Structure formats: structure tokens, C-alpha cells
C-alpha atoms as a PDB file:
ATOM      1  CA  MET A   1     113.078  95.580 125.248  1.00  0.00           C
ATOM      2  CA  LEU A   2     115.394  96.222 122.293  1.00  0.00           C
ATOM      3  CA  MET A   3     116.515  92.583 122.240  1.00  0.00           C
ATOM      4  CA  ALA A   4     112.878  91.488 122.428  1.00  0.00           C
ATOM      5  CA  LEU A   5     112.084  93.701 119.434  1.00  0.00           C
ATOM      6  CA  ILE A   6     114.983  92.240 117.448  1.00  0.00           C
ATOM      7  CA  ARG A   7     113.842  88.710 118.326  1.00  0.00           C
ATOM      8  CA  THR A   8     110.361  89.606 117.081  1.00  0.00           C
ATOM      9  CA  MET A   9     111.907  90.658 113.754  1.00  0.00           C
ATOM     10  CA  ARG A  10     113.198  87.056 113.400  1.00  0.00           C
ATOM     11  CA  PRO A  11     116.907  87.514 112.547  1.00  0.00           C
ATOM     12  CA  LYS A  12     117.175  83.753 111.943  1.00  0.00           C
ATOM     13  CA  GLN A  13     114.759  84.081 109.035  1.00  0.00           C
ATOM     14  CA  TRP A  14     116.675  86.909 107.378  1.00  0.00           C
ATOM     15  CA  PHE A  15     118.791  84.316 105.593  1.00  0.00           C
ATOM     16  CA  LYS A  16     115.821  83.970 103.198  1.00  0.00           C
ATOM     17  CA  ASN A  17     116.779  87.371 101.848  1.00  0.00           C
ATOM     18  CA  VAL A  18     119.996  85.951 100.363  1.00  0.00           C
ATOM     19  CA  PHE A  19     117.854  85.201  97.297  1.00  0.00           C
ATOM     20  CA  VAL A  20     118.320  88.861  96.393  1.00  0.00           C
ATOM     21  CA  PHE A  21     121.878  87.856  95.431  1.00  0.00           C
ATOM     22  CA  ALA A  22     120.637  85.397  92.775  1.00  0.00           C
ATOM     23  CA  PRO A  23     120.600  87.969  89.927  1.00  0.00           C
ATOM     24  CA  LEU A  24     124.099  89.099  90.946  1.00  0.00           C
ATOM     25  CA  VAL A  25     125.435  85.544  90.598  1.00  0.00           C
ATOM     26  CA  PHE A  26     123.507  84.436  87.534  1.00  0.00           C
ATOM     27  CA  ASP A  27     124.107  87.700  85.661  1.00  0.00           C
ATOM     28  CA  GLU A  28     127.836  87.060  86.163  1.00  0.00           C
ATOM     29  CA  LYS A  29     128.465  90.192  88.224  1.00  0.00           C
ATOM     30  CA  LEU A  30     129.407  88.545  91.513  1.00  0.00           C
ATOM     31  CA  PHE A  31     132.926  89.985  91.483  1.00  0.00           C
ATOM     32  CA  GLN A  32     131.976  93.509  90.445  1.00  0.00           C
ATOM     33  CA  GLY A  33     132.243  95.639  93.570  1.00  0.00           C
ATOM     34  CA  TYR A  34     129.668  98.256  92.543  1.00  0.00           C
ATOM     35  CA  TYR A  35     126.877  95.739  91.982  1.00  0.00           C
ATOM     36  CA  LEU A  36     127.905  93.665  94.989  1.00  0.00           C
ATOM     37  CA  ALA A  37     127.612  96.725  97.248  1.00  0.00           C
ATOM     38  CA  ARG A  38     124.204  97.658  95.813  1.00  0.00           C
ATOM     39  CA  THR A  39     122.926  94.116  96.351  1.00  0.00           C
ATOM     40  CA  ALA A  40     124.275  94.035  99.909  1.00  0.00           C
ATOM     41  CA  ALA A  41     122.413  97.286 100.622  1.00  0.00           C
ATOM     42  CA  GLY A  42     119.270  95.777  99.133  1.00  0.00           C
ATOM     43  CA  PHE A  43     119.741  92.738 101.381  1.00  0.00           C
ATOM     44  CA  VAL A  44     119.815  94.970 104.476  1.00  0.00           C
ATOM     45  CA  LEU A  45     116.652  96.795 103.386  1.00  0.00           C
ATOM     46  CA  LEU A  46     114.904  93.478 102.737  1.00  0.00           C
ATOM     47  CA  CYS A  47     115.876  92.261 106.205  1.00  0.00           C
ATOM     48  CA  LEU A  48     114.365  95.371 107.805  1.00  0.00           C
ATOM     49  CA  THR A  49     111.232  95.115 105.651  1.00  0.00           C
ATOM     50  CA  SER A  50     110.685  91.428 106.409  1.00  0.00           C
ATOM     51  CA  GLY A  51     111.388  92.174 110.070  1.00  0.00           C
ATOM     52  CA  THR A  52     108.600  94.743 110.003  1.00  0.00           C
ATOM     53  CA  VAL A  53     106.269  92.129 108.533  1.00  0.00           C
ATOM     54  CA  TYR A  54     107.053  89.732 111.389  1.00  0.00           C
ATOM     55  CA  ILE A  55     106.243  92.449 113.931  1.00  0.00           C
ATOM     56  CA  ILE A  56     102.888  93.098 112.244  1.00  0.00           C
ATOM     57  CA  ASN A  57     102.207  89.368 112.002  1.00  0.00           C
ATOM     58  CA  ASP A  58     102.837  88.866 115.728  1.00  0.00           C
ATOM     59  CA  LEU A  59     100.610  91.824 116.592  1.00  0.00           C
ATOM     60  CA  ALA A  60      97.799  90.303 114.520  1.00  0.00           C
ATOM     61  CA  ASP A  61      98.274  86.803 115.958  1.00  0.00           C
ATOM     62  CA  ILE A  62      99.094  87.609 119.573  1.00  0.00           C
ATOM     63  CA  GLU A  63      96.071  85.792 121.032  1.00  0.00           C
ATOM     64  CA  ARG A  64      96.557  82.658 118.907  1.00  0.00           C
ATOM     65  CA  ASP A  65     100.274  82.627 119.682  1.00  0.00           C
ATOM     66  CA  ARG A  66      99.572  82.619 123.405  1.00  0.00           C
ATOM     67  CA  ASN A  67      97.810  79.262 122.985  1.00  0.00           C
ATOM     68  CA  HIS A  68     100.448  77.732 120.681  1.00  0.00           C
ATOM     69  CA  PRO A  69     102.939  75.231 122.212  1.00  0.00           C
ATOM     70  CA  LYS A  70     105.952  77.024 120.684  1.00  0.00           C
ATOM     71  CA  LYS A  71     104.779  80.466 119.610  1.00  0.00           C
ATOM     72  CA  ARG A  72     103.671  81.374 123.156  1.00  0.00           C
ATOM     73  CA  HIS A  73     107.346  82.015 123.907  1.00  0.00           C
ATOM     74  CA  ARG A  74     107.569  84.808 121.318  1.00  0.00           C
ATOM     75  CA  PRO A  75     108.300  88.235 122.875  1.00  0.00           C
ATOM     76  CA  LEU A  76     104.859  89.730 122.205  1.00  0.00           C
ATOM     77  CA  ALA A  77     102.900  86.639 123.251  1.00  0.00           C
ATOM     78  CA  SER A  78     104.980  86.176 126.395  1.00  0.00           C
ATOM     79  CA  GLY A  79     104.848  89.860 127.368  1.00  0.00           C
ATOM     80  CA  ALA A  80     108.591  90.473 126.968  1.00  0.00           C
ATOM     81  CA  LEU A  81     107.786  93.094 124.320  1.00  0.00           C
ATOM     82  CA  SER A  82     105.013  95.655 124.815  1.00  0.00           C
ATOM     83  CA  MET A  83     102.436  96.164 122.084  1.00  0.00           C
ATOM     84  CA  GLY A  84     103.125  99.918 122.116  1.00  0.00           C
ATOM     85  CA  VAL A  85     106.797  99.476 121.232  1.00  0.00           C
ATOM     86  CA  ALA A  86     105.932  96.906 118.566  1.00  0.00           C
ATOM     87  CA  ARG A  87     103.333  99.217 116.969  1.00  0.00           C
ATOM     88  CA  ALA A  88     105.782 102.137 116.966  1.00  0.00           C
ATOM     89  CA  ALA A  89     108.475 100.021 115.297  1.00  0.00           C
ATOM     90  CA  ALA A  90     105.984  98.738 112.699  1.00  0.00           C
ATOM     91  CA  ILE A  91     105.216 102.342 111.726  1.00  0.00           C
ATOM     92  CA  LEU A  92     108.700 103.864 111.896  1.00  0.00           C
ATOM     93  CA  LEU A  93     110.657 101.145 110.084  1.00  0.00           C
ATOM     94  CA  PRO A  94     108.796 101.464 106.735  1.00  0.00           C
ATOM     95  CA  LEU A  95     109.101 105.261 106.931  1.00  0.00           C
ATOM     96  CA  ILE A  96     112.879 104.793 106.970  1.00  0.00           C
ATOM     97  CA  VAL A  97     113.331 101.719 104.756  1.00  0.00           C
ATOM     98  CA  LEU A  98     111.025 102.531 101.817  1.00  0.00           C
ATOM     99  CA  PRO A  99     112.541 105.972 101.012  1.00  0.00           C
ATOM    100  CA  LEU A 100     116.015 104.393 101.160  1.00  0.00           C
ATOM    101  CA  GLY A 101     114.799 101.692  98.771  1.00  0.00           C
ATOM    102  CA  PHE A 102     113.537 104.255  96.253  1.00  0.00           C
ATOM    103  CA  LEU A 103     116.801 106.173  96.615  1.00  0.00           C
ATOM    104  CA  LEU A 104     118.827 103.046  95.820  1.00  0.00           C
ATOM    105  CA  SER A 105     116.567 102.105  92.892  1.00  0.00           C
ATOM    106  CA  PRO A 106     112.992 103.180  92.071  1.00  0.00           C
ATOM    107  CA  ALA A 107     112.219  99.588  91.019  1.00  0.00           C
ATOM    108  CA  LEU A 108     113.562  98.275  94.325  1.00  0.00           C
ATOM    109  CA  GLY A 109     111.444 100.789  96.245  1.00  0.00           C
ATOM    110  CA  ALA A 110     108.351  99.638  94.353  1.00  0.00           C
ATOM    111  CA  ILE A 111     109.138  95.968  95.035  1.00  0.00           C
ATOM    112  CA  LEU A 112     109.704  96.616  98.742  1.00  0.00           C
ATOM    113  CA  SER A 113     106.407  98.523  98.909  1.00  0.00           C
ATOM    114  CA  GLY A 114     104.583  95.725  97.095  1.00  0.00           C
ATOM    115  CA  TYR A 115     106.157  93.099  99.348  1.00  0.00           C
ATOM    116  CA  LEU A 116     105.118  95.004 102.460  1.00  0.00           C
ATOM    117  CA  LEU A 117     101.526  95.493 101.277  1.00  0.00           C
ATOM    118  CA  VAL A 118     101.107  91.859 100.223  1.00  0.00           C
ATOM    119  CA  GLN A 119     102.518  90.597 103.514  1.00  0.00           C
ATOM    120  CA  ILE A 120     100.271  92.912 105.544  1.00  0.00           C
ATOM    121  CA  ALA A 121      97.282  91.548 103.615  1.00  0.00           C
ATOM    122  CA  TYR A 122      98.584  88.069 104.418  1.00  0.00           C
ATOM    123  CA  SER A 123      98.930  88.812 108.139  1.00  0.00           C
ATOM    124  CA  PHE A 124      95.347  90.028 108.504  1.00  0.00           C
ATOM    125  CA  TRP A 125      93.352  88.174 105.835  1.00  0.00           C
ATOM    126  CA  LEU A 126      95.063  85.977 103.253  1.00  0.00           C
ATOM    127  CA  LYS A 127      96.734  83.647 105.760  1.00  0.00           C
ATOM    128  CA  HIS A 128      93.281  82.249 106.514  1.00  0.00           C
ATOM    129  CA  VAL A 129      92.516  81.276 102.898  1.00  0.00           C
ATOM    130  CA  VAL A 130      93.453  77.687 102.064  1.00  0.00           C
ATOM    131  CA  ILE A 131      96.157  77.257  99.349  1.00  0.00           C
ATOM    132  CA  ILE A 132      96.257  81.042  98.775  1.00  0.00           C
ATOM    133  CA  ASP A 133      98.067  81.318 102.115  1.00  0.00           C
ATOM    134  CA  VAL A 134     101.022  79.285 100.849  1.00  0.00           C
ATOM    135  CA  MET A 135     100.991  80.978  97.442  1.00  0.00           C
ATOM    136  CA  ILE A 136     101.352  84.372  99.142  1.00  0.00           C
ATOM    137  CA  VAL A 137     104.317  83.080 101.138  1.00  0.00           C
ATOM    138  CA  ALA A 138     105.871  81.847  97.875  1.00  0.00           C
ATOM    139  CA  SER A 139     105.341  85.261  96.296  1.00  0.00           C
ATOM    140  CA  GLY A 140     107.555  86.713  99.018  1.00  0.00           C
ATOM    141  CA  PHE A 141     110.473  84.584  97.823  1.00  0.00           C
ATOM    142  CA  LEU A 142     109.773  85.560  94.231  1.00  0.00           C
ATOM    143  CA  LEU A 143     109.850  89.246  95.146  1.00  0.00           C
ATOM    144  CA  ARG A 144     113.166  88.744  96.949  1.00  0.00           C
ATOM    145  CA  VAL A 145     114.692  87.469  93.720  1.00  0.00           C
ATOM    146  CA  ALA A 146     113.027  90.212  91.689  1.00  0.00           C
ATOM    147  CA  ALA A 147     114.465  92.846  94.059  1.00  0.00           C
ATOM    148  CA  GLY A 148     117.977  91.911  93.005  1.00  0.00           C
ATOM    149  CA  VAL A 149     117.372  92.390  89.274  1.00  0.00           C
ATOM    150  CA  PRO A 150     117.309  96.231  89.161  1.00  0.00           C
ATOM    151  CA  LEU A 151     120.178  96.430  91.652  1.00  0.00           C
ATOM    152  CA  VAL A 152     122.557  94.729  89.210  1.00  0.00           C
ATOM    153  CA  GLU A 153     120.921  96.074  86.050  1.00  0.00           C
ATOM    154  CA  ALA A 154     120.541  92.432  85.001  1.00  0.00           C
ATOM    155  CA  GLU A 155     120.840  91.629  81.317  1.00  0.00           C
ATOM    156  CA  ARG A 156     121.210  87.829  81.309  1.00  0.00           C
ATOM    157  CA  PHE A 157     118.982  86.726  84.201  1.00  0.00           C
ATOM    158  CA  SER A 158     116.721  83.900  82.993  1.00  0.00           C
ATOM    159  CA  PRO A 159     112.950  83.905  83.716  1.00  0.00           C
ATOM    160  CA  TRP A 160     113.355  80.176  84.397  1.00  0.00           C
ATOM    161  CA  LEU A 161     114.856  81.102  87.761  1.00  0.00           C
ATOM    162  CA  TYR A 162     111.638  82.867  88.742  1.00  0.00           C
ATOM    163  CA  VAL A 163     109.761  79.638  88.012  1.00  0.00           C
ATOM    164  CA  CYS A 164     112.239  77.516  89.982  1.00  0.00           C
ATOM    165  CA  MET A 165     112.181  79.908  92.935  1.00  0.00           C
ATOM    166  CA  THR A 166     108.376  79.983  93.063  1.00  0.00           C
ATOM    167  CA  LEU A 167     108.108  76.192  92.952  1.00  0.00           C
ATOM    168  CA  LEU A 168     110.792  75.738  95.623  1.00  0.00           C
ATOM    169  CA  ALA A 169     108.998  78.235  97.870  1.00  0.00           C
ATOM    170  CA  LEU A 170     105.715  76.380  97.379  1.00  0.00           C
ATOM    171  CA  LEU A 171     107.428  73.126  98.372  1.00  0.00           C
ATOM    172  CA  ILE A 172     108.749  74.683 101.570  1.00  0.00           C
ATOM    173  CA  GLY A 173     105.406  76.360 102.319  1.00  0.00           C
ATOM    174  CA  PHE A 174     103.313  73.225 101.951  1.00  0.00           C
ATOM    175  CA  GLY A 175     105.923  71.292 103.922  1.00  0.00           C
ATOM    176  CA  LYS A 176     105.484  73.785 106.747  1.00  0.00           C
ATOM    177  CA  ARG A 177     101.698  73.381 106.663  1.00  0.00           C
ATOM    178  CA  ARG A 178     102.155  69.618 106.865  1.00  0.00           C
ATOM    179  CA  HIS A 179     104.377  69.965 109.911  1.00  0.00           C
ATOM    180  CA  GLU A 180     101.848  72.250 111.612  1.00  0.00           C
ATOM    181  CA  LEU A 181      99.061  69.762 110.943  1.00  0.00           C
ATOM    182  CA  VAL A 182     101.086  66.908 112.444  1.00  0.00           C
ATOM    183  CA  LEU A 183     102.290  68.960 115.423  1.00  0.00           C
ATOM    184  CA  LEU A 184      98.950  70.503 116.407  1.00  0.00           C
ATOM    185  CA  LYS A 185      96.700  67.564 115.484  1.00  0.00           C
ATOM    186  CA  GLY A 186      93.088  68.267 116.539  1.00  0.00           C
ATOM    187  CA  ASP A 187      93.892  71.816 117.683  1.00  0.00           C
ATOM    188  CA  ALA A 188      95.316  72.873 114.307  1.00  0.00           C
ATOM    189  CA  ALA A 189      92.343  74.975 113.202  1.00  0.00           C
ATOM    190  CA  GLY A 190      92.431  76.896 116.468  1.00  0.00           C
ATOM    191  CA  HIS A 191      95.965  78.068 115.781  1.00  0.00           C
ATOM    192  CA  ARG A 192      95.694  78.701 112.045  1.00  0.00           C
ATOM    193  CA  GLN A 193      92.265  78.952 110.432  1.00  0.00           C
ATOM    194  CA  SER A 194      93.380  77.645 107.035  1.00  0.00           C
ATOM    195  CA  LEU A 195      94.588  74.380 108.607  1.00  0.00           C
ATOM    196  CA  GLU A 196      90.940  73.393 109.044  1.00  0.00           C
ATOM    197  CA  HIS A 197      90.783  72.841 105.273  1.00  0.00           C
ATOM    198  CA  TYR A 198      94.042  70.877 104.921  1.00  0.00           C
ATOM    199  CA  ASN A 199      94.682  67.207 105.564  1.00  0.00           C
ATOM    200  CA  LEU A 200      97.789  65.060 105.209  1.00  0.00           C
ATOM    201  CA  LEU A 201      96.554  63.314 102.072  1.00  0.00           C
ATOM    202  CA  LEU A 202      95.993  66.616 100.250  1.00  0.00           C
ATOM    203  CA  LEU A 203      99.311  68.070 101.377  1.00  0.00           C
ATOM    204  CA  ASP A 204     101.247  64.942 100.409  1.00  0.00           C
ATOM    205  CA  HIS A 205      99.695  65.027  96.927  1.00  0.00           C
ATOM    206  CA  ILE A 206     100.514  68.730  96.525  1.00  0.00           C
ATOM    207  CA  ILE A 207     104.078  68.237  97.794  1.00  0.00           C
ATOM    208  CA  SER A 208     104.588  65.403  95.286  1.00  0.00           C
ATOM    209  CA  ILE A 209     103.339  67.537  92.392  1.00  0.00           C
ATOM    210  CA  VAL A 210     105.402  70.574  93.385  1.00  0.00           C
ATOM    211  CA  THR A 211     108.522  68.454  93.939  1.00  0.00           C
ATOM    212  CA  ALA A 212     108.303  66.939  90.455  1.00  0.00           C
ATOM    213  CA  SER A 213     107.594  70.352  88.911  1.00  0.00           C
ATOM    214  CA  THR A 214     110.572  71.912  90.694  1.00  0.00           C
ATOM    215  CA  LEU A 215     112.988  69.269  89.472  1.00  0.00           C
ATOM    216  CA  VAL A 216     111.690  69.399  85.894  1.00  0.00           C
ATOM    217  CA  ALA A 217     111.791  73.219  85.829  1.00  0.00           C
ATOM    218  CA  TYR A 218     115.376  73.318  87.105  1.00  0.00           C
ATOM    219  CA  ALA A 219     116.455  70.607  84.679  1.00  0.00           C
ATOM    220  CA  LEU A 220     114.930  72.553  81.786  1.00  0.00           C
ATOM    221  CA  TYR A 221     116.681  75.697  82.984  1.00  0.00           C
ATOM    222  CA  THR A 222     120.103  74.006  83.025  1.00  0.00           C
ATOM    223  CA  PHE A 223     120.104  73.211  79.315  1.00  0.00           C
ATOM    224  CA  SER A 224     117.625  75.614  77.731  1.00  0.00           C
ATOM    225  CA  ALA A 225     118.261  79.048  79.276  1.00  0.00           C
ATOM    226  CA  PRO A 226     119.979  81.244  76.644  1.00  0.00           C
ATOM    227  CA  ASN A 227     122.348  82.936  79.082  1.00  0.00           C
ATOM    228  CA  LEU A 228     124.095  79.746  80.242  1.00  0.00           C
ATOM    229  CA  PRO A 229     127.333  78.255  78.853  1.00  0.00           C
ATOM    230  CA  GLU A 230     126.712  76.620  75.500  1.00  0.00           C
ATOM    231  CA  ASN A 231     128.427  73.413  76.610  1.00  0.00           C
ATOM    232  CA  HIS A 232     125.481  72.715  79.000  1.00  0.00           C
ATOM    233  CA  THR A 233     127.806  72.334  81.995  1.00  0.00           C
ATOM    234  CA  MET A 234     125.105  73.815  84.245  1.00  0.00           C
ATOM    235  CA  MET A 235     123.553  70.341  84.142  1.00  0.00           C
ATOM    236  CA  LEU A 236     126.409  69.275  86.436  1.00  0.00           C
ATOM    237  CA  THR A 237     124.616  71.111  89.267  1.00  0.00           C
ATOM    238  CA  LEU A 238     121.540  68.859  89.000  1.00  0.00           C
ATOM    239  CA  PRO A 239     122.728  66.137  91.441  1.00  0.00           C
ATOM    240  CA  PHE A 240     123.072  68.681  94.260  1.00  0.00           C
ATOM    241  CA  VAL A 241     119.555  69.995  93.644  1.00  0.00           C
ATOM    242  CA  LEU A 242     118.171  66.447  93.542  1.00  0.00           C
ATOM    243  CA  TYR A 243     119.864  65.507  96.801  1.00  0.00           C
ATOM    244  CA  GLY A 244     118.876  68.747  98.544  1.00  0.00           C
ATOM    245  CA  ILE A 245     115.190  68.327  97.700  1.00  0.00           C
ATOM    246  CA  PHE A 246     115.204  64.621  98.571  1.00  0.00           C
ATOM    247  CA  ARG A 247     116.917  65.432 101.855  1.00  0.00           C
ATOM    248  CA  TYR A 248     114.248  68.036 102.628  1.00  0.00           C
ATOM    249  CA  LEU A 249     111.500  65.482 101.899  1.00  0.00           C
ATOM    250  CA  TYR A 250     113.235  63.014 104.210  1.00  0.00           C
ATOM    251  CA  LEU A 251     113.315  65.605 106.989  1.00  0.00           C
ATOM    252  CA  ILE A 252     109.607  66.489 106.742  1.00  0.00           C
ATOM    253  CA  HIS A 253     108.291  62.951 106.199  1.00  0.00           C
ATOM    254  CA  VAL A 254     110.621  60.811 108.304  1.00  0.00           C
ATOM    255  CA  ARG A 255     112.018  63.232 110.863  1.00  0.00           C
ATOM    256  CA  GLU A 256     108.719  65.175 110.961  1.00  0.00           C
ATOM    257  CA  LEU A 257     110.458  68.539 110.737  1.00  0.00           C
ATOM    258  CA  GLY A 258     109.499  71.473 108.521  1.00  0.00           C
ATOM    259  CA  GLY A 259     107.851  73.929 110.893  1.00  0.00           C
ATOM    260  CA  ALA A 260     110.577  76.514 110.451  1.00  0.00           C
ATOM    261  CA  PRO A 261     112.609  76.148 107.231  1.00  0.00           C
ATOM    262  CA  GLU A 262     115.415  78.289 108.613  1.00  0.00           C
ATOM    263  CA  GLU A 263     115.855  75.863 111.528  1.00  0.00           C
ATOM    264  CA  ILE A 264     116.171  72.932 109.128  1.00  0.00           C
ATOM    265  CA  VAL A 265     118.798  74.685 107.021  1.00  0.00           C
ATOM    266  CA  LEU A 266     120.745  75.901 110.040  1.00  0.00           C
ATOM    267  CA  SER A 267     120.699  72.543 111.838  1.00  0.00           C
ATOM    268  CA  ASP A 268     120.948  69.813 109.180  1.00  0.00           C
ATOM    269  CA  ARG A 269     124.561  69.377 108.075  1.00  0.00           C
ATOM    270  CA  ALA A 270     123.759  67.218 105.071  1.00  0.00           C
ATOM    271  CA  LEU A 271     121.364  69.832 103.679  1.00  0.00           C
ATOM    272  CA  GLN A 272     123.880  72.606 104.345  1.00  0.00           C
ATOM    273  CA  PHE A 273     126.574  70.627 102.533  1.00  0.00           C
ATOM    274  CA  SER A 274     124.383  70.075  99.469  1.00  0.00           C
ATOM    275  CA  ILE A 275     123.502  73.786  99.306  1.00  0.00           C
ATOM    276  CA  LEU A 276     127.161  74.797  99.566  1.00  0.00           C
ATOM    277  CA  LEU A 277     128.171  72.323  96.874  1.00  0.00           C
ATOM    278  CA  TRP A 278     125.383  73.551  94.613  1.00  0.00           C
ATOM    279  CA  GLY A 279     126.438  77.179  95.102  1.00  0.00           C
ATOM    280  CA  ALA A 280     130.087  76.380  94.477  1.00  0.00           C
ATOM    281  CA  SER A 281     129.248  74.388  91.348  1.00  0.00           C
ATOM    282  CA  VAL A 282     127.133  77.237  89.977  1.00  0.00           C
ATOM    283  CA  VAL A 283     130.008  79.702  90.436  1.00  0.00           C
ATOM    284  CA  VAL A 284     132.468  77.300  88.783  1.00  0.00           C
ATOM    285  CA  VAL A 285     130.150  76.732  85.802  1.00  0.00           C
ATOM    286  CA  MET A 286     129.215  80.388  85.332  1.00  0.00           C
ATOM    287  CA  TYR A 287     132.607  81.981  85.923  1.00  0.00           C
ATOM    288  CA  ILE A 288     135.180  79.341  84.991  1.00  0.00           C
ATOM    289  CA  LEU A 289     133.795  76.623  82.727  1.00  0.00           C
ATOM    290  CA  GLY A 290     131.578  79.065  80.847  1.00  0.00           C
END
């Protein structure tokens, strides 16, 4: 039962919470132990909070999941986890996590509370509203980044990174909707109400717009953000971002993947390599060349 509960909390998706480390890196405090420890603690609290959201989401969607070709194997839908245990965990976890968040930083506690409330609204209502559903998912990524700012007492973190993060999250979110539409075909609306209002033409147009906006926003960040090295060496990271996004588009359009972003990242070596090279180049630019 404990393993079923942990599976319901989606440990594979906790890697999304690494975005809380963005302010630590871009505020040039990566090698300062105090701020690194605070950010690591924030990461753990975000994992538990997002895990709570997944429990609530599965409780709300249990009937739909039972009729889904993949989601019917989830612990709640399959019966491996009882609804009573899931409800108890969904109540107890926030009672532990949120006070710890406020203790670590009042701003972090407020962000965790806001994230939890928005995601609960998503699980019960907003996930059924076309376009808004993906925007709410994107807001979760934005809040992950924002959670790291008070933990490192950021002074040089550029607002451009909020824009880039939001656009990247929108790209991933609409890519996931596209995959669901292709996978479920005529039964799509029965599994997710908002899919009734999407079609491939609309999603492809949106993905094209968001892709272009993401690349332009990141390019503008690399040479216009005031906190970057004056020699504009951050522009050297652009090729890795270009390749990573193009690779993602290849995977969702040609390989017809995209249902679970964490599975793409954890399984595609080329995408992993581009992300690692981008991260390494950012550290070199910020901490050595700068």
C-alpha cells in the first residue's frame, strides 16, 4: 500500500521541481552551501506538494482513468491503493509540508499554498476548460521557478527567465494535449473533457507560435538581461536550446510521443545530451567566462 501511494505521487515527475534551482544558478550562488541547502529543502517540499496534487488529481479522475488505455493501471484506478488511504494522505501531507515551507521562508510557504490551491482548482474544474487547462499547467512551472527566488535571496535573477519558463511549459503542455488527441482519437473527449474542443490543426498552430516565442524570448534574454556577462557569452548557449526544442518537436510530430514529458526526457538520449550541454554551458558562462 505504501509503494502504491508513492507511485500515485508520481516520483518520475518530481524532476520538474529541479526548476526551483534556476534562481540558485542564475543568481550565481550555486557553490554557496547555505543557499544550496535551502534550495534542496525547497525541492523536497515541492516534491511532496506536487505529489499531493497527483493524489488529489487521481481521486478526482478515478472513473475516467479506469477507462483510459494507460491510466487504468494507476494504483487508484486499478484498486492497488484504497481511496481511504489516498484521502488521508491528501489531507495529512499539506498539514506537514506547508508549515515547513513557511518556516523555511514565508514567501516559499505562500507560493506552495498558492500552487496547491491552483492545482486543486485544476483537478476539479479548470482542467476541463480549453486553453486555460494548459495555461494552469504552465503556471505550475512558473511557480516552481518563483519558489527558488526567496530561498536564495535573489538579487540578479532576470524576469526574462520567467517568460522563457512559461513559454517552454506551454510548449510542453500543448504537445501533451496533441499526443492525447492522437492516442485517444474518437474517445478523447470521454477521457478529458477539454479535448472535445481541440483539434490537431489548432494545436499545431499554437505549438508553432509558442515555439517561435520561446526561441525569441530566450535569444533576447541572452544579450539583453542586465545581470549577464557584458561580453554576451550567454548567446553561446543558444544552439543547445535550439536543438533541444527542435528535438522535442521531432519526438511529438514524427515519433508521436509527448504524453508524459518526463518519459521523453528520461528515455531520449539526444534530448538528455542537449539539456546537459546547455546546463554545463550556462555554468561556464556565468561562473567562468563572466
